[in-house]
Amino acid sequence: MVTINDITIAHRKKAFHTDEQKTIGQQLQQAREAKGLTLEQAAILAGVTAHNIHCYEQGSPAPPDILIKLAREVYRCALHELLHGSYLYHSEMD
């Protein structure tokens, strides 16, 4: 039997794992891998934990300031390129 609590839990999970967030997470992972960085290396450069990076890549919402830092300082691309999938994933660091 489905309870109100089950519905609330399902709604919260859905709210934090939207298709758009998963797409952003996939873009983050692709950019990190294209740069040849491990979770730990990306985390150090971004000033967060490897667990945070993993969560963002799995679809958890990342704070805007972290997304900006990942794009500009870690993956060296424009934020819109990273978020919208137009990032070219250059392997060299500028």
N, C-alpha and C. Protein backbone atom coordinates (compact mmCIF):
# COMPACT_ATOMS: atom_id res chain seq x y z
N MET A 1 0.84 -1.18 0.00
CA MET A 1 0.00 0.00 0.00
C MET A 1 0.89 1.25 0.00
N VAL A 2 0.60 2.18 -0.88
CA VAL A 2 1.35 3.42 -0.98
C VAL A 2 0.84 4.41 0.06
N THR A 3 1.76 5.00 0.79
CA THR A 3 1.39 5.97 1.82
C THR A 3 1.74 7.38 1.35
N ILE A 4 1.23 8.34 2.07
CA ILE A 4 1.57 9.75 1.80
C ILE A 4 3.07 9.95 1.91
N ASN A 5 3.70 9.31 2.89
CA ASN A 5 5.14 9.43 3.07
C ASN A 5 5.88 8.92 1.84
N ASP A 6 5.44 7.81 1.24
CA ASP A 6 6.06 7.28 0.03
C ASP A 6 5.97 8.29 -1.12
N ILE A 7 4.83 8.92 -1.25
CA ILE A 7 4.62 9.91 -2.31
C ILE A 7 5.52 11.11 -2.08
N THR A 8 5.63 11.57 -0.85
CA THR A 8 6.49 12.70 -0.52
C THR A 8 7.95 12.39 -0.84
N ILE A 9 8.40 11.20 -0.46
CA ILE A 9 9.78 10.80 -0.74
C ILE A 9 10.02 10.73 -2.24
N ALA A 10 9.11 10.16 -2.99
CA ALA A 10 9.23 10.06 -4.44
C ALA A 10 9.28 11.45 -5.07
N HIS A 11 8.43 12.35 -4.60
CA HIS A 11 8.41 13.72 -5.12
C HIS A 11 9.74 14.42 -4.86
N ARG A 12 10.28 14.27 -3.66
CA ARG A 12 11.57 14.90 -3.34
C ARG A 12 12.68 14.35 -4.22
N LYS A 13 12.70 13.05 -4.43
CA LYS A 13 13.72 12.45 -5.28
C LYS A 13 13.61 12.99 -6.70
N LYS A 14 12.40 13.09 -7.21
CA LYS A 14 12.19 13.60 -8.56
C LYS A 14 12.61 15.06 -8.65
N ALA A 15 12.33 15.84 -7.64
CA ALA A 15 12.67 17.26 -7.64
C ALA A 15 14.17 17.47 -7.73
N PHE A 16 14.95 16.57 -7.18
CA PHE A 16 16.39 16.73 -7.17
C PHE A 16 17.09 15.99 -8.31
N HIS A 17 16.35 15.24 -9.11
CA HIS A 17 16.96 14.48 -10.19
C HIS A 17 16.17 14.66 -11.48
N THR A 18 16.11 15.89 -11.94
CA THR A 18 15.38 16.16 -13.17
C THR A 18 16.22 15.75 -14.37
N ASP A 19 15.59 15.61 -15.51
CA ASP A 19 16.31 15.27 -16.73
C ASP A 19 17.35 16.34 -17.05
N GLU A 20 17.02 17.60 -16.81
CA GLU A 20 17.96 18.68 -17.09
C GLU A 20 19.19 18.55 -16.20
N GLN A 21 18.99 18.26 -14.91
CA GLN A 21 20.12 18.10 -14.01
C GLN A 21 20.99 16.92 -14.42
N LYS A 22 20.38 15.84 -14.87
CA LYS A 22 21.16 14.70 -15.31
C LYS A 22 21.99 15.08 -16.53
N THR A 23 21.42 15.87 -17.42
CA THR A 23 22.16 16.31 -18.59
C THR A 23 23.34 17.17 -18.17
N ILE A 24 23.15 18.07 -17.25
CA ILE A 24 24.24 18.89 -16.75
C ILE A 24 25.29 18.01 -16.09
N GLY A 25 24.85 17.04 -15.32
CA GLY A 25 25.78 16.12 -14.68
C GLY A 25 26.61 15.35 -15.70
N GLN A 26 25.97 14.92 -16.77
CA GLN A 26 26.69 14.22 -17.83
C GLN A 26 27.71 15.13 -18.48
N GLN A 27 27.33 16.39 -18.69
CA GLN A 27 28.26 17.36 -19.28
C GLN A 27 29.45 17.58 -18.36
N LEU A 28 29.19 17.68 -17.06
CA LEU A 28 30.29 17.86 -16.11
C LEU A 28 31.25 16.68 -16.15
N GLN A 29 30.70 15.49 -16.19
CA GLN A 29 31.55 14.30 -16.22
C GLN A 29 32.35 14.24 -17.53
N GLN A 30 31.72 14.53 -18.64
CA GLN A 30 32.42 14.50 -19.93
C GLN A 30 33.55 15.53 -19.96
N ALA A 31 33.29 16.72 -19.43
CA ALA A 31 34.32 17.75 -19.41
C ALA A 31 35.49 17.33 -18.53
N ARG A 32 35.19 16.76 -17.37
CA ARG A 32 36.26 16.31 -16.46
C ARG A 32 37.10 15.23 -17.12
N GLU A 33 36.45 14.26 -17.72
CA GLU A 33 37.16 13.17 -18.36
C GLU A 33 37.97 13.66 -19.56
N ALA A 34 37.42 14.62 -20.31
CA ALA A 34 38.14 15.17 -21.46
C ALA A 34 39.42 15.88 -21.03
N LYS A 35 39.41 16.46 -19.86
CA LYS A 35 40.60 17.12 -19.33
C LYS A 35 41.55 16.13 -18.67
N GLY A 36 41.13 14.87 -18.57
CA GLY A 36 41.98 13.85 -17.97
C GLY A 36 42.10 13.97 -16.47
N LEU A 37 41.07 14.54 -15.83
CA LEU A 37 41.09 14.75 -14.39
C LEU A 37 40.32 13.66 -13.66
N THR A 38 40.83 13.28 -12.50
CA THR A 38 40.09 12.38 -11.62
C THR A 38 39.09 13.22 -10.84
N LEU A 39 38.18 12.55 -10.16
CA LEU A 39 37.25 13.27 -9.28
C LEU A 39 38.03 14.08 -8.25
N GLU A 40 39.06 13.48 -7.69
CA GLU A 40 39.85 14.15 -6.65
C GLU A 40 40.56 15.38 -7.19
N GLN A 41 41.14 15.28 -8.38
CA GLN A 41 41.83 16.42 -8.97
C GLN A 41 40.86 17.57 -9.27
N ALA A 42 39.72 17.25 -9.85
CA ALA A 42 38.72 18.29 -10.14
C ALA A 42 38.23 18.92 -8.85
N ALA A 43 38.06 18.12 -7.82
CA ALA A 43 37.58 18.63 -6.54
C ALA A 43 38.58 19.61 -5.93
N ILE A 44 39.85 19.26 -5.96
CA ILE A 44 40.87 20.14 -5.41
C ILE A 44 40.87 21.48 -6.14
N LEU A 45 40.82 21.43 -7.47
CA LEU A 45 40.81 22.66 -8.26
C LEU A 45 39.57 23.51 -8.01
N ALA A 46 38.44 22.85 -7.74
CA ALA A 46 37.18 23.56 -7.52
C ALA A 46 36.97 23.96 -6.06
N GLY A 47 37.76 23.39 -5.16
CA GLY A 47 37.61 23.72 -3.75
C GLY A 47 36.44 23.02 -3.08
N VAL A 48 36.11 21.83 -3.58
CA VAL A 48 35.05 21.02 -2.99
C VAL A 48 35.59 19.61 -2.78
N THR A 49 34.75 18.69 -2.31
CA THR A 49 35.19 17.32 -2.12
C THR A 49 34.94 16.50 -3.38
N ALA A 50 35.64 15.38 -3.49
CA ALA A 50 35.42 14.47 -4.61
C ALA A 50 33.99 13.95 -4.57
N HIS A 51 33.46 13.76 -3.37
CA HIS A 51 32.08 13.32 -3.23
C HIS A 51 31.12 14.35 -3.84
N ASN A 52 31.40 15.64 -3.63
CA ASN A 52 30.57 16.69 -4.23
C ASN A 52 30.59 16.59 -5.75
N ILE A 53 31.77 16.46 -6.33
CA ILE A 53 31.89 16.36 -7.78
C ILE A 53 31.10 15.15 -8.28
N HIS A 54 31.26 14.03 -7.61
CA HIS A 54 30.53 12.82 -7.99
C HIS A 54 29.02 13.07 -7.95
N CYS A 55 28.55 13.71 -6.90
CA CYS A 55 27.11 13.98 -6.78
C CYS A 55 26.63 14.90 -7.89
N TYR A 56 27.39 15.94 -8.22
CA TYR A 56 27.00 16.85 -9.30
C TYR A 56 26.92 16.08 -10.62
N GLU A 57 27.88 15.19 -10.85
CA GLU A 57 27.89 14.42 -12.08
C GLU A 57 26.74 13.41 -12.15
N GLN A 58 26.23 13.04 -11.00
CA GLN A 58 25.10 12.10 -10.96
C GLN A 58 23.75 12.80 -10.98
N GLY A 59 23.76 14.14 -11.02
CA GLY A 59 22.51 14.87 -11.17
C GLY A 59 22.09 15.72 -10.00
N SER A 60 22.85 15.71 -8.91
CA SER A 60 22.52 16.61 -7.80
C SER A 60 22.79 18.05 -8.22
N PRO A 61 21.93 18.97 -7.83
CA PRO A 61 22.16 20.37 -8.21
C PRO A 61 23.46 20.91 -7.62
N ALA A 62 24.25 21.54 -8.45
CA ALA A 62 25.48 22.19 -7.99
C ALA A 62 25.20 23.66 -7.77
N PRO A 63 25.76 24.24 -6.71
CA PRO A 63 25.58 25.69 -6.50
C PRO A 63 26.13 26.47 -7.70
N PRO A 64 25.48 27.56 -8.06
CA PRO A 64 25.93 28.33 -9.22
C PRO A 64 27.40 28.75 -9.16
N ASP A 65 27.88 29.14 -7.98
CA ASP A 65 29.28 29.56 -7.90
C ASP A 65 30.24 28.41 -8.18
N ILE A 66 29.85 27.20 -7.82
CA ILE A 66 30.68 26.03 -8.11
C ILE A 66 30.65 25.72 -9.61
N LEU A 67 29.49 25.82 -10.24
CA LEU A 67 29.41 25.60 -11.69
C LEU A 67 30.29 26.60 -12.44
N ILE A 68 30.26 27.84 -12.01
CA ILE A 68 31.08 28.87 -12.66
C ILE A 68 32.56 28.54 -12.48
N LYS A 69 32.94 28.16 -11.26
CA LYS A 69 34.34 27.83 -10.99
C LYS A 69 34.77 26.60 -11.80
N LEU A 70 33.92 25.59 -11.87
CA LEU A 70 34.26 24.41 -12.67
C LEU A 70 34.48 24.78 -14.13
N ALA A 71 33.59 25.59 -14.68
CA ALA A 71 33.71 25.98 -16.08
C ALA A 71 34.95 26.83 -16.32
N ARG A 72 35.12 27.88 -15.54
CA ARG A 72 36.18 28.84 -15.81
C ARG A 72 37.56 28.37 -15.39
N GLU A 73 37.66 27.80 -14.20
CA GLU A 73 38.98 27.50 -13.64
C GLU A 73 39.40 26.04 -13.80
N VAL A 74 38.45 25.14 -13.83
CA VAL A 74 38.80 23.73 -13.88
C VAL A 74 38.76 23.21 -15.32
N TYR A 75 37.64 23.40 -16.00
CA TYR A 75 37.49 22.86 -17.35
C TYR A 75 37.82 23.88 -18.43
N ARG A 76 38.02 25.12 -18.04
CA ARG A 76 38.44 26.22 -18.92
C ARG A 76 37.57 26.37 -20.16
N CYS A 77 36.30 26.64 -19.88
CA CYS A 77 35.34 26.87 -20.96
C CYS A 77 34.31 27.88 -20.46
N ALA A 78 33.49 28.35 -21.37
CA ALA A 78 32.40 29.23 -20.99
C ALA A 78 31.31 28.40 -20.32
N LEU A 79 30.65 28.98 -19.34
CA LEU A 79 29.61 28.26 -18.61
C LEU A 79 28.52 27.74 -19.55
N HIS A 80 28.07 28.57 -20.48
CA HIS A 80 27.00 28.11 -21.39
C HIS A 80 27.46 26.94 -22.25
N GLU A 81 28.74 26.89 -22.59
CA GLU A 81 29.25 25.76 -23.37
C GLU A 81 29.18 24.47 -22.56
N LEU A 82 29.53 24.58 -21.30
CA LEU A 82 29.50 23.40 -20.43
C LEU A 82 28.07 22.93 -20.18
N LEU A 83 27.18 23.86 -19.89
CA LEU A 83 25.82 23.50 -19.52
C LEU A 83 24.96 23.06 -20.70
N HIS A 84 25.27 23.55 -21.88
CA HIS A 84 24.43 23.25 -23.04
C HIS A 84 25.05 22.27 -24.01
N GLY A 85 26.18 21.71 -23.64
CA GLY A 85 26.77 20.65 -24.45
C GLY A 85 27.51 21.10 -25.68
N SER A 86 27.83 22.38 -25.78
CA SER A 86 28.57 22.84 -26.95
C SER A 86 30.06 22.96 -26.67
N TYR A 87 30.48 22.51 -25.50
CA TYR A 87 31.88 22.54 -25.13
C TYR A 87 32.65 21.56 -26.02
N LEU A 88 33.77 21.97 -26.54
CA LEU A 88 34.52 21.15 -27.50
C LEU A 88 35.47 20.16 -26.84
N TYR A 89 35.62 20.23 -25.53
CA TYR A 89 36.46 19.31 -24.79
C TYR A 89 37.89 19.24 -25.31
N HIS A 90 38.51 20.41 -25.41
CA HIS A 90 39.92 20.44 -25.77
C HIS A 90 40.73 19.80 -24.67
N SER A 91 41.70 19.02 -25.03
CA SER A 91 42.51 18.34 -24.01
C SER A 91 43.61 19.23 -23.46
N GLU A 92 44.00 20.24 -24.18
CA GLU A 92 45.06 21.11 -23.68
C GLU A 92 44.50 22.19 -22.77
N MET A 93 45.29 22.60 -21.81
CA MET A 93 44.89 23.68 -20.91
C MET A 93 45.42 24.98 -21.49
N ASP A 94 44.54 25.99 -21.61
CA ASP A 94 44.96 27.30 -22.15
C ASP A 94 45.70 28.08 -21.09
